[in-house]
PDB file of all heavy atoms in Angstrom:
ATOM      1  N   TRP A   1     108.013 106.786  77.011  1.00  0.00           N
ATOM      2  CA  TRP A   1     109.162 106.627  77.891  1.00  0.00           C
ATOM      3  C   TRP A   1     108.774 105.798  79.102  1.00  0.00           C
ATOM      4  O   TRP A   1     107.615 105.734  79.493  1.00  0.00           O
ATOM      5  CB  TRP A   1     109.688 107.996  78.339  1.00  0.00           C
ATOM      6  CG  TRP A   1     108.630 108.851  78.961  1.00  0.00           C
ATOM      7  CD1 TRP A   1     108.279 108.910  80.290  1.00  0.00           C
ATOM      8  CD2 TRP A   1     107.752 109.750  78.286  1.00  0.00           C
ATOM      9  NE1 TRP A   1     107.246 109.791  80.479  1.00  0.00           N
ATOM     10  CE2 TRP A   1     106.902 110.325  79.256  1.00  0.00           C
ATOM     11  CE3 TRP A   1     107.605 110.129  76.943  1.00  0.00           C
ATOM     12  CZ2 TRP A   1     105.923 111.253  78.938  1.00  0.00           C
ATOM     13  CZ3 TRP A   1     106.623 111.051  76.644  1.00  0.00           C
ATOM     14  CH2 TRP A   1     105.798 111.601  77.642  1.00  0.00           C
ATOM     15  N   GLY A   2     109.795 105.146  79.657  1.00  0.00           N
ATOM     16  CA  GLY A   2     109.587 104.329  80.844  1.00  0.00           C
ATOM     17  C   GLY A   2     110.303 103.000  80.720  1.00  0.00           C
ATOM     18  O   GLY A   2     110.930 102.687  79.705  1.00  0.00           O
ATOM     19  N   ASN A   3     110.203 102.219  81.788  1.00  0.00           N
ATOM     20  CA  ASN A   3     110.843 100.904  81.875  1.00  0.00           C
ATOM     21  C   ASN A   3     109.911  99.857  81.263  1.00  0.00           C
ATOM     22  O   ASN A   3     108.834  99.604  81.789  1.00  0.00           O
ATOM     23  CB  ASN A   3     111.128 100.592  83.349  1.00  0.00           C
ATOM     24  CG  ASN A   3     111.885  99.305  83.547  1.00  0.00           C
ATOM     25  OD1 ASN A   3     111.973  98.469  82.649  1.00  0.00           O
ATOM     26  ND2 ASN A   3     112.425  99.127  84.734  1.00  0.00           N
ATOM     27  N   ILE A   4     110.333  99.228  80.174  1.00  0.00           N
ATOM     28  CA  ILE A   4     109.485  98.243  79.496  1.00  0.00           C
ATOM     29  C   ILE A   4     109.438  96.905  80.218  1.00  0.00           C
ATOM     30  O   ILE A   4     108.668  96.033  79.839  1.00  0.00           O
ATOM     31  CB  ILE A   4     109.915  98.014  78.029  1.00  0.00           C
ATOM     32  CG1 ILE A   4     111.339  97.457  77.953  1.00  0.00           C
ATOM     33  CG2 ILE A   4     109.759  99.277  77.200  1.00  0.00           C
ATOM     34  CD1 ILE A   4     111.755  96.970  76.577  1.00  0.00           C
ATOM     35  N   PHE A   5     110.244  96.729  81.278  1.00  0.00           N
ATOM     36  CA  PHE A   5     110.330  95.436  81.956  1.00  0.00           C
ATOM     37  C   PHE A   5     109.430  95.323  83.187  1.00  0.00           C
ATOM     38  O   PHE A   5     109.481  94.308  83.885  1.00  0.00           O
ATOM     39  CB  PHE A   5     111.777  95.144  82.361  1.00  0.00           C
ATOM     40  CG  PHE A   5     112.715  95.111  81.194  1.00  0.00           C
ATOM     41  CD1 PHE A   5     113.659  96.105  80.998  1.00  0.00           C
ATOM     42  CD2 PHE A   5     112.658  94.079  80.264  1.00  0.00           C
ATOM     43  CE1 PHE A   5     114.524  96.075  79.920  1.00  0.00           C
ATOM     44  CE2 PHE A   5     113.509  94.044  79.176  1.00  0.00           C
ATOM     45  CZ  PHE A   5     114.451  95.048  79.002  1.00  0.00           C
ATOM     46  N   VAL A   6     108.637  96.339  83.462  1.00  0.00           N
ATOM     47  CA  VAL A   6     107.769  96.321  84.644  1.00  0.00           C
ATOM     48  C   VAL A   6     106.336  96.664  84.245  1.00  0.00           C
ATOM     49  O   VAL A   6     106.065  96.982  83.088  1.00  0.00           O
ATOM     50  CB  VAL A   6     108.268  97.312  85.734  1.00  0.00           C
ATOM     51  CG1 VAL A   6     109.635  96.893  86.273  1.00  0.00           C
ATOM     52  CG2 VAL A   6     108.309  98.736  85.201  1.00  0.00           C
ATOM     53  N   ARG A   7     105.433  96.642  85.221  1.00  0.00           N
ATOM     54  CA  ARG A   7     104.057  97.013  84.909  1.00  0.00           C
ATOM     55  C   ARG A   7     103.957  98.518  84.658  1.00  0.00           C
ATOM     56  O   ARG A   7     104.815  99.292  85.084  1.00  0.00           O
ATOM     57  CB  ARG A   7     103.076  96.545  85.981  1.00  0.00           C
ATOM     58  CG  ARG A   7     103.247  97.099  87.344  1.00  0.00           C
ATOM     59  CD  ARG A   7     102.091  96.740  88.281  1.00  0.00           C
ATOM     60  NE  ARG A   7     101.660  95.360  88.191  1.00  0.00           N
ATOM     61  CZ  ARG A   7     100.433  94.931  88.520  1.00  0.00           C
ATOM     62  NH1 ARG A   7      99.541  95.772  88.985  1.00  0.00           N
ATOM     63  NH2 ARG A   7     100.112  93.665  88.414  1.00  0.00           N
ATOM     64  N   ASP A   8     102.910  98.917  83.965  1.00  0.00           N
ATOM     65  CA  ASP A   8     102.762 100.295  83.516  1.00  0.00           C
ATOM     66  C   ASP A   8     102.787 101.289  84.671  1.00  0.00           C
ATOM     67  O   ASP A   8     103.384 102.357  84.558  1.00  0.00           O
ATOM     68  CB  ASP A   8     101.459 100.435  82.716  1.00  0.00           C
ATOM     69  CG  ASP A   8     101.409 101.719  81.935  1.00  0.00           C
ATOM     70  OD1 ASP A   8     102.277 101.908  81.059  1.00  0.00           O
ATOM     71  OD2 ASP A   8     100.521 102.544  82.209  1.00  0.00           O
ATOM     72  N   SER A   9     102.172 100.960  85.790  1.00  0.00           N
ATOM     73  CA  SER A   9     102.130 101.898  86.915  1.00  0.00           C
ATOM     74  C   SER A   9     103.498 102.071  87.577  1.00  0.00           C
ATOM     75  O   SER A   9     103.704 103.017  88.333  1.00  0.00           O
ATOM     76  CB  SER A   9     101.098 101.451  87.950  1.00  0.00           C
ATOM     77  OG  SER A   9     101.396 100.152  88.416  1.00  0.00           O
ATOM     78  N   PHE A  10     104.468 101.205  87.264  1.00  0.00           N
ATOM     79  CA  PHE A  10     105.819 101.310  87.818  1.00  0.00           C
ATOM     80  C   PHE A  10     106.827 101.871  86.810  1.00  0.00           C
ATOM     81  O   PHE A  10     107.980 102.085  87.142  1.00  0.00           O
ATOM     82  CB  PHE A  10     106.342  99.931  88.245  1.00  0.00           C
ATOM     83  CG  PHE A  10     105.620  99.284  89.400  1.00  0.00           C
ATOM     84  CD1 PHE A  10     105.980  98.009  89.808  1.00  0.00           C
ATOM     85  CD2 PHE A  10     104.593  99.922  90.081  1.00  0.00           C
ATOM     86  CE1 PHE A  10     105.340  97.383  90.867  1.00  0.00           C
ATOM     87  CE2 PHE A  10     103.933  99.309  91.137  1.00  0.00           C
ATOM     88  CZ  PHE A  10     104.312  98.034  91.536  1.00  0.00           C
ATOM     89  N   LYS A  11     106.415 102.077  85.572  1.00  0.00           N
ATOM     90  CA  LYS A  11     107.356 102.326  84.489  1.00  0.00           C
ATOM     91  C   LYS A  11     108.233 103.566  84.682  1.00  0.00           C
ATOM     92  O   LYS A  11     109.345 103.630  84.175  1.00  0.00           O
ATOM     93  CB  LYS A  11     106.634 102.397  83.143  1.00  0.00           C
ATOM     94  CG  LYS A  11     105.872 103.680  82.885  1.00  0.00           C
ATOM     95  CD  LYS A  11     105.246 103.680  81.505  1.00  0.00           C
ATOM     96  CE  LYS A  11     104.570 104.978  81.171  1.00  0.00           C
ATOM     97  NZ  LYS A  11     105.507 106.085  80.950  1.00  0.00           N
ATOM     98  N   ASP A  12     107.753 104.556  85.432  1.00  0.00           N
ATOM     99  CA  ASP A  12     108.525 105.790  85.628  1.00  0.00           C
ATOM    100  C   ASP A  12     109.281 105.819  86.953  1.00  0.00           C
ATOM    101  O   ASP A  12     109.871 106.835  87.299  1.00  0.00           O
ATOM    102  CB  ASP A  12     107.597 107.003  85.530  1.00  0.00           C
ATOM    103  CG  ASP A  12     106.946 107.116  84.156  1.00  0.00           C
ATOM    104  OD1 ASP A  12     107.649 106.902  83.150  1.00  0.00           O
ATOM    105  OD2 ASP A  12     105.737 107.395  84.085  1.00  0.00           O
ATOM    106  N   LEU A  13     109.265 104.711  87.669  1.00  0.00           N
ATOM    107  CA  LEU A  13     109.935 104.648  88.965  1.00  0.00           C
ATOM    108  C   LEU A  13     111.340 104.079  88.820  1.00  0.00           C
ATOM    109  O   LEU A  13     111.592 103.228  87.970  1.00  0.00           O
ATOM    110  CB  LEU A  13     109.142 103.762  89.932  1.00  0.00           C
ATOM    111  CG  LEU A  13     107.701 104.194  90.230  1.00  0.00           C
ATOM    112  CD1 LEU A  13     107.019 103.149  91.103  1.00  0.00           C
ATOM    113  CD2 LEU A  13     107.669 105.557  90.894  1.00  0.00           C
ATOM    114  N   ASP A  14     112.227 104.543  89.680  1.00  0.00           N
ATOM    115  CA  ASP A  14     113.563 103.960  89.748  1.00  0.00           C
ATOM    116  C   ASP A  14     113.434 102.549  90.308  1.00  0.00           C
ATOM    117  O   ASP A  14     112.624 102.294  91.190  1.00  0.00           O
ATOM    118  CB  ASP A  14     114.433 104.826  90.663  1.00  0.00           C
ATOM    119  CG  ASP A  14     115.863 104.357  90.666  1.00  0.00           C
ATOM    120  OD1 ASP A  14     116.623 104.767  89.775  1.00  0.00           O
ATOM    121  OD2 ASP A  14     116.212 103.568  91.566  1.00  0.00           O
ATOM    122  N   ARG A  15     114.239 101.637  89.818  1.00  0.00           N
ATOM    123  CA  ARG A  15     114.144 100.237  90.246  1.00  0.00           C
ATOM    124  C   ARG A  15     114.360 100.082  91.751  1.00  0.00           C
ATOM    125  O   ARG A  15     113.708  99.274  92.399  1.00  0.00           O
ATOM    126  CB  ARG A  15     115.157  99.392  89.483  1.00  0.00           C
ATOM    127  CG  ARG A  15     114.908  97.915  89.650  1.00  0.00           C
ATOM    128  CD  ARG A  15     115.681  97.110  88.626  1.00  0.00           C
ATOM    129  NE  ARG A  15     115.271  95.737  88.678  1.00  0.00           N
ATOM    130  CZ  ARG A  15     114.262  95.220  88.001  1.00  0.00           C
ATOM    131  NH1 ARG A  15     113.545  95.977  87.218  1.00  0.00           N
ATOM    132  NH2 ARG A  15     113.954  93.949  88.107  1.00  0.00           N
ATOM    133  N   SER A  16     115.256 100.880  92.323  1.00  0.00           N
ATOM    134  CA  SER A  16     115.503 100.781  93.766  1.00  0.00           C
ATOM    135  C   SER A  16     114.268 101.203  94.557  1.00  0.00           C
ATOM    136  O   SER A  16     114.003 100.671  95.634  1.00  0.00           O
ATOM    137  CB  SER A  16     116.714 101.630  94.170  1.00  0.00           C
ATOM    138  OG  SER A  16     116.473 102.992  93.897  1.00  0.00           O
ATOM    139  N   GLU A  17     113.503 102.137  94.014  1.00  0.00           N
ATOM    140  CA  GLU A  17     112.259 102.562  94.668  1.00  0.00           C
ATOM    141  C   GLU A  17     111.258 101.407  94.724  1.00  0.00           C
ATOM    142  O   GLU A  17     110.591 101.192  95.738  1.00  0.00           O
ATOM    143  CB  GLU A  17     111.659 103.752  93.910  1.00  0.00           C
ATOM    144  CG  GLU A  17     110.506 104.414  94.605  1.00  0.00           C
ATOM    145  CD  GLU A  17     109.988 105.625  93.841  1.00  0.00           C
ATOM    146  OE1 GLU A  17     110.677 106.119  92.922  1.00  0.00           O
ATOM    147  OE2 GLU A  17     108.873 106.091  94.167  1.00  0.00           O
ATOM    148  N   ILE A  18     111.179 100.647  93.661  1.00  0.00           N
ATOM    149  CA  ILE A  18     110.283  99.483  93.625  1.00  0.00           C
ATOM    150  C   ILE A  18     110.762  98.423  94.617  1.00  0.00           C
ATOM    151  O   ILE A  18     109.979  97.902  95.409  1.00  0.00           O
ATOM    152  CB  ILE A  18     110.211  98.882  92.201  1.00  0.00           C
ATOM    153  CG1 ILE A  18     109.651  99.908  91.210  1.00  0.00           C
ATOM    154  CG2 ILE A  18     109.368  97.610  92.177  1.00  0.00           C
ATOM    155  CD1 ILE A  18     109.799  99.510  89.753  1.00  0.00           C
ATOM    156  N   LEU A  19     112.060  98.134  94.582  1.00  0.00           N
ATOM    157  CA  LEU A  19     112.603  97.083  95.446  1.00  0.00           C
ATOM    158  C   LEU A  19     112.525  97.424  96.930  1.00  0.00           C
ATOM    159  O   LEU A  19     112.405  96.536  97.763  1.00  0.00           O
ATOM    160  CB  LEU A  19     114.064  96.788  95.075  1.00  0.00           C
ATOM    161  CG  LEU A  19     114.291  96.114  93.732  1.00  0.00           C
ATOM    162  CD1 LEU A  19     115.769  95.858  93.515  1.00  0.00           C
ATOM    163  CD2 LEU A  19     113.508  94.823  93.615  1.00  0.00           C
ATOM    164  N   ASN A  20     112.580  98.702  97.263  1.00  0.00           N
ATOM    165  CA  ASN A  20     112.557  99.099  98.673  1.00  0.00           C
ATOM    166  C   ASN A  20     111.157  99.283  99.238  1.00  0.00           C
ATOM    167  O   ASN A  20     111.003  99.553 100.425  1.00  0.00           O
ATOM    168  CB  ASN A  20     113.397 100.363  98.881  1.00  0.00           C
ATOM    169  CG  ASN A  20     114.878 100.085  98.744  1.00  0.00           C
ATOM    170  OD1 ASN A  20     115.362  99.046  99.167  1.00  0.00           O
ATOM    171  ND2 ASN A  20     115.599 100.992  98.114  1.00  0.00           N
ATOM    172  N   ASP A  21     110.143  99.134  98.414  1.00  0.00           N
ATOM    173  CA  ASP A  21     108.756  99.245  98.881  1.00  0.00           C
ATOM    174  C   ASP A  21     108.147  97.844  98.947  1.00  0.00           C
ATOM    175  O   ASP A  21     108.012  97.181  97.917  1.00  0.00           O
ATOM    176  CB  ASP A  21     107.958 100.128  97.921  1.00  0.00           C
ATOM    177  CG  ASP A  21     106.529 100.325  98.385  1.00  0.00           C
ATOM    178  OD1 ASP A  21     105.723  99.369  98.264  1.00  0.00           O
ATOM    179  OD2 ASP A  21     106.213 101.429  98.864  1.00  0.00           O
ATOM    180  N   PRO A  22     107.770  97.369 100.147  1.00  0.00           N
ATOM    181  CA  PRO A  22     107.262  95.992 100.277  1.00  0.00           C
ATOM    182  C   PRO A  22     106.063  95.681  99.387  1.00  0.00           C
ATOM    183  O   PRO A  22     105.984  94.590  98.813  1.00  0.00           O
ATOM    184  CB  PRO A  22     106.884  95.879 101.760  1.00  0.00           C
ATOM    185  CG  PRO A  22     107.664  96.952 102.443  1.00  0.00           C
ATOM    186  CD  PRO A  22     107.842  98.055 101.442  1.00  0.00           C
ATOM    187  N   LYS A  23     105.140  96.620  99.239  1.00  0.00           N
ATOM    188  CA  LYS A  23     103.945  96.363  98.414  1.00  0.00           C
ATOM    189  C   LYS A  23     104.316  96.250  96.935  1.00  0.00           C
ATOM    190  O   LYS A  23     103.849  95.355  96.238  1.00  0.00           O
ATOM    191  CB  LYS A  23     102.908  97.459  98.625  1.00  0.00           C
ATOM    192  CG  LYS A  23     102.210  97.382  99.963  1.00  0.00           C
ATOM    193  CD  LYS A  23     101.147  98.438 100.101  1.00  0.00           C
ATOM    194  CE  LYS A  23     100.511  98.348 101.489  1.00  0.00           C
ATOM    195  NZ  LYS A  23      99.600  99.452 101.747  1.00  0.00           N
ATOM    196  N   MET A  24     105.141  97.176  96.472  1.00  0.00           N
ATOM    197  CA  MET A  24     105.541  97.127  95.063  1.00  0.00           C
ATOM    198  C   MET A  24     106.398  95.897  94.791  1.00  0.00           C
ATOM    199  O   MET A  24     106.282  95.278  93.728  1.00  0.00           O
ATOM    200  CB  MET A  24     106.291  98.407  94.674  1.00  0.00           C
ATOM    201  CG  MET A  24     105.391  99.615  94.551  1.00  0.00           C
ATOM    202  SD  MET A  24     106.179 101.012  93.724  1.00  0.00           S
ATOM    203  CE  MET A  24     107.153 101.693  95.056  1.00  0.00           C
ATOM    204  N   ARG A  25     107.236  95.535  95.734  1.00  0.00           N
ATOM    205  CA  ARG A  25     108.071  94.342  95.581  1.00  0.00           C
ATOM    206  C   ARG A  25     107.197  93.094  95.467  1.00  0.00           C
ATOM    207  O   ARG A  25     107.446  92.218  94.636  1.00  0.00           O
ATOM    208  CB  ARG A  25     109.016  94.243  96.777  1.00  0.00           C
ATOM    209  CG  ARG A  25     110.233  93.425  96.532  1.00  0.00           C
ATOM    210  CD  ARG A  25     111.275  93.563  97.618  1.00  0.00           C
ATOM    211  NE  ARG A  25     110.754  93.331  98.940  1.00  0.00           N
ATOM    212  CZ  ARG A  25     110.808  94.219  99.931  1.00  0.00           C
ATOM    213  NH1 ARG A  25     111.343  95.406  99.735  1.00  0.00           N
ATOM    214  NH2 ARG A  25     110.324  93.924 101.121  1.00  0.00           N
ATOM    215  N   SER A  26     106.155  93.045  96.255  1.00  0.00           N
ATOM    216  CA  SER A  26     105.232  91.914  96.209  1.00  0.00           C
ATOM    217  C   SER A  26     104.524  91.836  94.854  1.00  0.00           C
ATOM    218  O   SER A  26     104.348  90.758  94.282  1.00  0.00           O
ATOM    219  CB  SER A  26     104.201  92.047  97.340  1.00  0.00           C
ATOM    220  OG  SER A  26     103.250  91.030  97.259  1.00  0.00           O
ATOM    221  N   VAL A  27     104.139  92.988  94.326  1.00  0.00           N
ATOM    222  CA  VAL A  27     103.504  93.046  93.002  1.00  0.00           C
ATOM    223  C   VAL A  27     104.487  92.565  91.933  1.00  0.00           C
ATOM    224  O   VAL A  27     104.121  91.814  91.023  1.00  0.00           O
ATOM    225  CB  VAL A  27     102.999  94.476  92.697  1.00  0.00           C
ATOM    226  CG1 VAL A  27     102.590  94.616  91.238  1.00  0.00           C
ATOM    227  CG2 VAL A  27     101.838  94.837  93.612  1.00  0.00           C
ATOM    228  N   MET A  28     105.736  92.973  92.069  1.00  0.00           N
ATOM    229  CA  MET A  28     106.745  92.554  91.096  1.00  0.00           C
ATOM    230  C   MET A  28     106.949  91.045  91.147  1.00  0.00           C
ATOM    231  O   MET A  28     107.067  90.394  90.099  1.00  0.00           O
ATOM    232  CB  MET A  28     108.055  93.285  91.361  1.00  0.00           C
ATOM    233  CG  MET A  28     109.064  93.099  90.264  1.00  0.00           C
ATOM    234  SD  MET A  28     110.453  94.201  90.485  1.00  0.00           S
ATOM    235  CE  MET A  28     111.514  93.587  89.202  1.00  0.00           C
ATOM    236  N   HIS A  29     106.977  90.482  92.356  1.00  0.00           N
ATOM    237  CA  HIS A  29     107.052  89.019  92.488  1.00  0.00           C
ATOM    238  C   HIS A  29     105.922  88.367  91.693  1.00  0.00           C
ATOM    239  O   HIS A  29     106.141  87.447  90.910  1.00  0.00           O
ATOM    240  CB  HIS A  29     106.885  88.583  93.946  1.00  0.00           C
ATOM    241  CG  HIS A  29     108.092  88.770  94.785  1.00  0.00           C
ATOM    242  ND1 HIS A  29     108.044  88.705  96.143  1.00  0.00           N
ATOM    243  CD2 HIS A  29     109.386  89.016  94.477  1.00  0.00           C
ATOM    244  CE1 HIS A  29     109.249  88.899  96.639  1.00  0.00           C
ATOM    245  NE2 HIS A  29     110.076  89.095  95.650  1.00  0.00           N
ATOM    246  N   HIS A  30     104.732  88.857  91.929  1.00  0.00           N
ATOM    247  CA  HIS A  30     103.543  88.311  91.272  1.00  0.00           C
ATOM    248  C   HIS A  30     103.671  88.406  89.757  1.00  0.00           C
ATOM    249  O   HIS A  30     103.423  87.432  89.034  1.00  0.00           O
ATOM    250  CB  HIS A  30     102.304  89.064  91.767  1.00  0.00           C
ATOM    251  CG  HIS A  30     101.066  88.740  91.018  1.00  0.00           C
ATOM    252  ND1 HIS A  30     100.650  89.474  89.923  1.00  0.00           N
ATOM    253  CD2 HIS A  30     100.156  87.748  91.181  1.00  0.00           C
ATOM    254  CE1 HIS A  30      99.536  88.954  89.446  1.00  0.00           C
ATOM    255  NE2 HIS A  30      99.216  87.913  90.189  1.00  0.00           N
ATOM    256  N   ASP A  31     104.050  89.585  89.264  1.00  0.00           N
ATOM    257  CA  ASP A  31     104.102  89.818  87.817  1.00  0.00           C
ATOM    258  C   ASP A  31     105.128  88.934  87.112  1.00  0.00           C
ATOM    259  O   ASP A  31     104.942  88.570  85.956  1.00  0.00           O
ATOM    260  CB  ASP A  31     104.421  91.287  87.525  1.00  0.00           C
ATOM    261  CG  ASP A  31     103.255  92.208  87.844  1.00  0.00           C
ATOM    262  OD1 ASP A  31     102.145  91.711  88.120  1.00  0.00           O
ATOM    263  OD2 ASP A  31     103.460  93.442  87.811  1.00  0.00           O
ATOM    264  N   VAL A  32     106.209  88.605  87.811  1.00  0.00           N
ATOM    265  CA  VAL A  32     107.291  87.840  87.182  1.00  0.00           C
ATOM    266  C   VAL A  32     107.158  86.344  87.428  1.00  0.00           C
ATOM    267  O   VAL A  32     107.409  85.533  86.531  1.00  0.00           O
ATOM    268  CB  VAL A  32     108.666  88.350  87.679  1.00  0.00           C
ATOM    269  CG1 VAL A  32     109.793  87.449  87.192  1.00  0.00           C
ATOM    270  CG2 VAL A  32     108.903  89.781  87.226  1.00  0.00           C
ATOM    271  N   MET A  33     106.758  85.942  88.627  1.00  0.00           N
ATOM    272  CA  MET A  33     106.841  84.535  89.024  1.00  0.00           C
ATOM    273  C   MET A  33     105.555  83.727  88.827  1.00  0.00           C
ATOM    274  O   MET A  33     105.616  82.511  88.696  1.00  0.00           O
ATOM    275  CB  MET A  33     107.270  84.423  90.492  1.00  0.00           C
ATOM    276  CG  MET A  33     108.570  85.153  90.806  1.00  0.00           C
ATOM    277  SD  MET A  33     109.993  84.576  89.870  1.00  0.00           S
ATOM    278  CE  MET A  33     110.581  83.281  90.921  1.00  0.00           C
ATOM    279  N   GLU A  34     104.408  84.381  88.803  1.00  0.00           N
ATOM    280  CA  GLU A  34     103.151  83.650  88.613  1.00  0.00           C
ATOM    281  C   GLU A  34     102.993  83.255  87.153  1.00  0.00           C
ATOM    282  O   GLU A  34     103.636  83.813  86.266  1.00  0.00           O
ATOM    283  CB  GLU A  34     101.956  84.518  89.054  1.00  0.00           C
ATOM    284  CG  GLU A  34     101.909  84.809  90.538  1.00  0.00           C
ATOM    285  CD  GLU A  34     101.658  83.568  91.389  1.00  0.00           C
ATOM    286  OE1 GLU A  34     100.970  82.645  90.909  1.00  0.00           O
ATOM    287  OE2 GLU A  34     102.168  83.536  92.522  1.00  0.00           O
ATOM    288  N   GLU A  35     102.103  82.297  86.903  1.00  0.00           N
ATOM    289  CA  GLU A  35     101.780  81.941  85.515  1.00  0.00           C
ATOM    290  C   GLU A  35     101.268  83.191  84.799  1.00  0.00           C
ATOM    291  O   GLU A  35     100.496  83.961  85.363  1.00  0.00           O
ATOM    292  CB  GLU A  35     100.684  80.867  85.483  1.00  0.00           C
ATOM    293  CG  GLU A  35     101.154  79.484  85.879  1.00  0.00           C
ATOM    294  CD  GLU A  35     102.101  78.873  84.872  1.00  0.00           C
ATOM    295  OE1 GLU A  35     101.887  79.052  83.650  1.00  0.00           O
ATOM    296  OE2 GLU A  35     103.073  78.230  85.307  1.00  0.00           O
ATOM    297  N   LEU A  36     101.697  83.358  83.561  1.00  0.00           N
ATOM    298  CA  LEU A  36     101.242  84.506  82.787  1.00  0.00           C
ATOM    299  C   LEU A  36      99.737  84.414  82.594  1.00  0.00           C
ATOM    300  O   LEU A  36      99.212  83.382  82.168  1.00  0.00           O
ATOM    301  CB  LEU A  36     101.940  84.549  81.429  1.00  0.00           C
ATOM    302  CG  LEU A  36     101.602  85.746  80.548  1.00  0.00           C
ATOM    303  CD1 LEU A  36     102.042  87.051  81.187  1.00  0.00           C
ATOM    304  CD2 LEU A  36     102.243  85.584  79.180  1.00  0.00           C
ATOM    305  N   ASN A  37      99.033  85.486  82.935  1.00  0.00           N
ATOM    306  CA  ASN A  37      97.583  85.521  82.752  1.00  0.00           C
ATOM    307  C   ASN A  37      97.186  86.880  82.189  1.00  0.00           C
ATOM    308  O   ASN A  37      98.025  87.761  81.990  1.00  0.00           O
ATOM    309  CB  ASN A  37      96.858  85.220  84.076  1.00  0.00           C
ATOM    310  CG  ASN A  37      97.230  86.201  85.172  1.00  0.00           C
ATOM    311  OD1 ASN A  37      97.381  87.396  84.937  1.00  0.00           O
ATOM    312  ND2 ASN A  37      97.394  85.697  86.390  1.00  0.00           N
ATOM    313  N   GLU A  38      95.911  87.041  81.930  1.00  0.00           N
ATOM    314  CA  GLU A  38      95.431  88.265  81.293  1.00  0.00           C
ATOM    315  C   GLU A  38      95.672  89.496  82.156  1.00  0.00           C
ATOM    316  O   GLU A  38      96.000  90.563  81.645  1.00  0.00           O
ATOM    317  CB  GLU A  38      93.936  88.111  80.971  1.00  0.00           C
ATOM    318  CG  GLU A  38      93.428  89.098  79.946  1.00  0.00           C
ATOM    319  CD  GLU A  38      94.110  88.965  78.580  1.00  0.00           C
ATOM    320  OE1 GLU A  38      94.537  87.858  78.202  1.00  0.00           O
ATOM    321  OE2 GLU A  38      94.226  89.999  77.894  1.00  0.00           O
ATOM    322  N   GLU A  39      95.536  89.351  83.456  1.00  0.00           N
ATOM    323  CA  GLU A  39      95.745  90.505  84.356  1.00  0.00           C
ATOM    324  C   GLU A  39      97.194  90.969  84.293  1.00  0.00           C
ATOM    325  O   GLU A  39      97.470  92.168  84.199  1.00  0.00           O
ATOM    326  CB  GLU A  39      95.370  90.108  85.792  1.00  0.00           C
ATOM    327  CG  GLU A  39      95.460  91.254  86.804  1.00  0.00           C
ATOM    328  CD  GLU A  39      96.749  91.261  87.609  1.00  0.00           C
ATOM    329  OE1 GLU A  39      97.379  90.201  87.771  1.00  0.00           O
ATOM    330  OE2 GLU A  39      97.143  92.358  88.063  1.00  0.00           O
ATOM    331  N   ILE A  40      98.149  90.040  84.318  1.00  0.00           N
ATOM    332  CA  ILE A  40      99.566  90.400  84.237  1.00  0.00           C
ATOM    333  C   ILE A  40      99.853  91.058  82.887  1.00  0.00           C
ATOM    334  O   ILE A  40     100.541  92.082  82.811  1.00  0.00           O
ATOM    335  CB  ILE A  40     100.464  89.165  84.459  1.00  0.00           C
ATOM    336  CG1 ILE A  40     100.350  88.685  85.917  1.00  0.00           C
ATOM    337  CG2 ILE A  40     101.916  89.470  84.109  1.00  0.00           C
ATOM    338  CD1 ILE A  40     101.031  87.352  86.195  1.00  0.00           C
ATOM    339  N   LEU A  41      99.327  90.495  81.825  1.00  0.00           N
ATOM    340  CA  LEU A  41      99.520  91.072  80.493  1.00  0.00           C
ATOM    341  C   LEU A  41      98.994  92.499  80.421  1.00  0.00           C
ATOM    342  O   LEU A  41      99.699  93.411  79.977  1.00  0.00           O
ATOM    343  CB  LEU A  41      98.776  90.241  79.441  1.00  0.00           C
ATOM    344  CG  LEU A  41      99.475  89.040  78.851  1.00  0.00           C
ATOM    345  CD1 LEU A  41      98.510  88.280  77.962  1.00  0.00           C
ATOM    346  CD2 LEU A  41     100.716  89.453  78.075  1.00  0.00           C
ATOM    347  N   GLN A  42      97.758  92.692  80.840  1.00  0.00           N
ATOM    348  CA  GLN A  42      97.117  94.007  80.712  1.00  0.00           C
ATOM    349  C   GLN A  42      97.805  95.078  81.549  1.00  0.00           C
ATOM    350  O   GLN A  42      97.719  96.264  81.231  1.00  0.00           O
ATOM    351  CB  GLN A  42      95.632  93.916  81.082  1.00  0.00           C
ATOM    352  CG  GLN A  42      94.803  93.048  80.160  1.00  0.00           C
ATOM    353  CD  GLN A  42      94.708  93.590  78.736  1.00  0.00           C
ATOM    354  OE1 GLN A  42      94.865  94.776  78.482  1.00  0.00           O
ATOM    355  NE2 GLN A  42      94.448  92.698  77.790  1.00  0.00           N
TER     356      GLN A  42
END
């Protein structure tokens, strides 16, 4: 169970919780907008 569209450590969080936290929001920016690499995949 969890959100398949985010990183594993965020999968059980409500999306608004991620968006309202500056650190998690920054991580989400990185995961979506940077070139896909092994760290993002893993």
